[in-house]
Every structure is written in C-alpha cells, then in structure tokens.
Amino acid sequence: MPEAVQIPATDAIALVDDQGWLLDVREPDEWDRGHAPQAHLIPMGSIMDRIDEIPSDQQIVVVCHSGYRSWQVTKALVEAGYDAVNVAGGMEAWQSAGGVVVTDGR
C-alpha cells in the first residue's frame, strides 16, 4: 500500500502552481481568516461525504492550519487511491514560504 507523503510548503506552492488541486481541510472560520486563492474548502469532518468533489485525475495537495489534520486526510485519501500529499506545517508554513493568502474580501 502506498504511503502518505509530506512535502515542504515551497514544494506545495510549486505543485499548486503547476495544476495541483489544493484541498483546504480547515473549518470555515479558519478559511475566512485567510486561505490560498486556489484552494477548495472541504472541512476534515466532511471529506467522506464530499469525496466525489475531489478529482481523482490530479495530484491533491492537502493543507490545514499546522499540518496535523491535513496529514490525517492525506493518509485517508492515499488509502482510497488518490495521489495526495500533505503540506508540512500547514497554512502557517505556506504563508511563511511566500504563498499567497487571501480573505473573502481579497
């Protein structure tokens, strides 16, 4: 069985820029405080109910606030056959690495 992989935020930013599908698994209030403009919000607790929204033909880059929840989701997606990687350090690392973060007001 394939194992879930963690990647540095710099690599995640490059993957998303190169057509990776960014899955943000945080809660809506966290999303509202700032998210990557390319991200798709599906909170961790809704993943299995909304799994049909996640493309199976793209690499999935999974992110949360600090990397723990996204690691759990990444493992579940890999076990389900998805090509998924976790952003080590989450949105904190994403922003520190120069990744763009927007709010609903942009």
Protein backbone atom coordinates (compact mmCIF):
# COMPACT_ATOMS: atom_id res chain seq x y z
CA MET A 1 0.00 0.00 0.00
CA PRO A 2 1.39 3.46 -0.89
CA GLU A 3 2.30 5.74 1.98
CA ALA A 4 1.25 9.33 2.51
CA VAL A 5 3.97 11.89 1.88
CA GLN A 6 4.62 15.25 3.50
CA ILE A 7 6.19 17.98 1.41
CA PRO A 8 7.61 21.38 2.32
CA ALA A 9 5.41 24.38 1.70
CA THR A 10 7.74 25.64 -1.05
CA ASP A 11 7.20 22.39 -2.96
CA ALA A 12 3.45 22.56 -2.33
CA ILE A 13 3.27 26.09 -3.75
CA ALA A 14 5.09 24.92 -6.87
CA LEU A 15 2.79 21.89 -7.23
CA VAL A 16 -0.33 24.03 -6.95
CA ASP A 17 1.11 26.50 -9.47
CA ASP A 18 1.63 23.50 -11.78
CA GLN A 19 -2.01 22.36 -11.71
CA GLY A 20 -2.10 20.52 -8.36
CA TRP A 21 -5.53 20.64 -6.68
CA LEU A 22 -5.26 22.36 -3.30
CA LEU A 23 -7.61 20.92 -0.69
CA ASP A 24 -8.04 23.00 2.47
CA VAL A 25 -9.50 20.85 5.27
CA ARG A 26 -9.85 23.58 7.90
CA GLU A 27 -13.13 24.89 9.29
CA PRO A 28 -14.97 27.80 7.61
CA ASP A 29 -13.96 30.30 10.31
CA GLU A 30 -10.28 29.43 9.73
CA TRP A 31 -10.80 29.74 5.97
CA ASP A 32 -12.36 33.18 6.44
CA ARG A 33 -9.23 34.39 8.26
CA GLY A 34 -7.11 33.57 5.21
CA HIS A 35 -6.67 30.90 2.56
CA ALA A 36 -4.79 30.28 -0.66
CA PRO A 37 -6.75 31.67 -3.64
CA GLN A 38 -6.55 28.32 -5.47
CA ALA A 39 -7.83 26.31 -2.52
CA HIS A 40 -11.02 24.28 -2.31
CA LEU A 41 -12.59 24.16 1.16
CA ILE A 42 -13.83 20.79 2.36
CA PRO A 43 -13.57 20.61 6.17
CA MET A 44 -11.99 17.45 7.54
CA GLY A 45 -15.28 16.22 9.01
CA SER A 46 -16.97 16.47 5.59
CA ILE A 47 -14.35 14.69 3.48
CA MET A 48 -16.10 11.33 3.21
CA ASP A 49 -19.48 12.95 2.48
CA ARG A 50 -17.95 15.14 -0.24
CA ILE A 51 -15.24 12.85 -1.61
CA ASP A 52 -16.85 12.95 -5.07
CA GLU A 53 -15.83 16.64 -5.27
CA ILE A 54 -12.14 15.70 -5.10
CA PRO A 55 -10.69 14.94 -8.54
CA SER A 56 -9.12 11.53 -8.94
CA ASP A 57 -7.08 12.54 -12.00
CA GLN A 58 -4.99 15.30 -10.36
CA GLN A 59 -2.45 15.42 -7.58
CA ILE A 60 -4.17 16.57 -4.40
CA VAL A 61 -2.23 18.92 -2.13
CA VAL A 62 -3.82 18.86 1.33
CA VAL A 63 -3.45 21.71 3.83
CA CYS A 64 -4.81 22.71 7.23
CA HIS A 65 -3.60 25.21 9.83
CA SER A 66 -0.47 23.43 11.06
CA GLY A 67 -0.37 20.11 9.20
CA TYR A 68 -1.95 17.60 11.60
CA ARG A 69 -5.50 17.40 10.24
CA SER A 70 -4.26 17.52 6.66
CA TRP A 71 -1.89 14.63 7.43
CA GLN A 72 -4.85 12.53 8.60
CA VAL A 73 -6.84 13.42 5.47
CA THR A 74 -3.84 12.77 3.21
CA LYS A 75 -3.43 9.28 4.68
CA ALA A 76 -7.14 8.54 4.12
CA LEU A 77 -7.02 9.82 0.54
CA VAL A 78 -3.92 7.77 -0.30
CA GLU A 79 -5.61 4.69 1.15
CA ALA A 80 -8.61 5.45 -1.09
CA GLY A 81 -6.36 5.56 -4.16
CA TYR A 82 -5.80 9.30 -4.54
CA ASP A 83 -2.43 10.83 -5.40
CA ALA A 84 -2.30 13.11 -2.34
CA VAL A 85 0.46 14.88 -0.43
CA ASN A 86 0.39 16.82 2.83
CA VAL A 87 1.73 20.34 3.28
CA ALA A 88 4.14 20.07 6.23
CA GLY A 89 3.45 22.93 8.61
CA GLY A 90 0.10 23.79 7.02
CA MET A 91 -1.01 27.31 6.17
CA GLU A 92 1.49 28.70 8.66
CA ALA A 93 4.32 27.26 6.57
CA TRP A 94 2.54 28.17 3.30
CA GLN A 95 2.43 31.82 4.27
CA SER A 96 5.99 31.81 5.66
CA ALA A 97 7.21 30.34 2.36
CA GLY A 98 5.67 33.22 0.42
CA GLY A 99 2.43 31.53 -0.62
CA VAL A 100 -0.39 33.92 -1.37
CA VAL A 101 -3.12 34.15 1.27
CA VAL A 102 -6.39 36.00 0.73
CA THR A 103 -9.52 36.65 2.76
CA ASP A 104 -13.05 36.71 1.42
CA GLY A 105 -12.59 40.45 0.83
CA ARG A 106 -9.46 39.50 -1.21
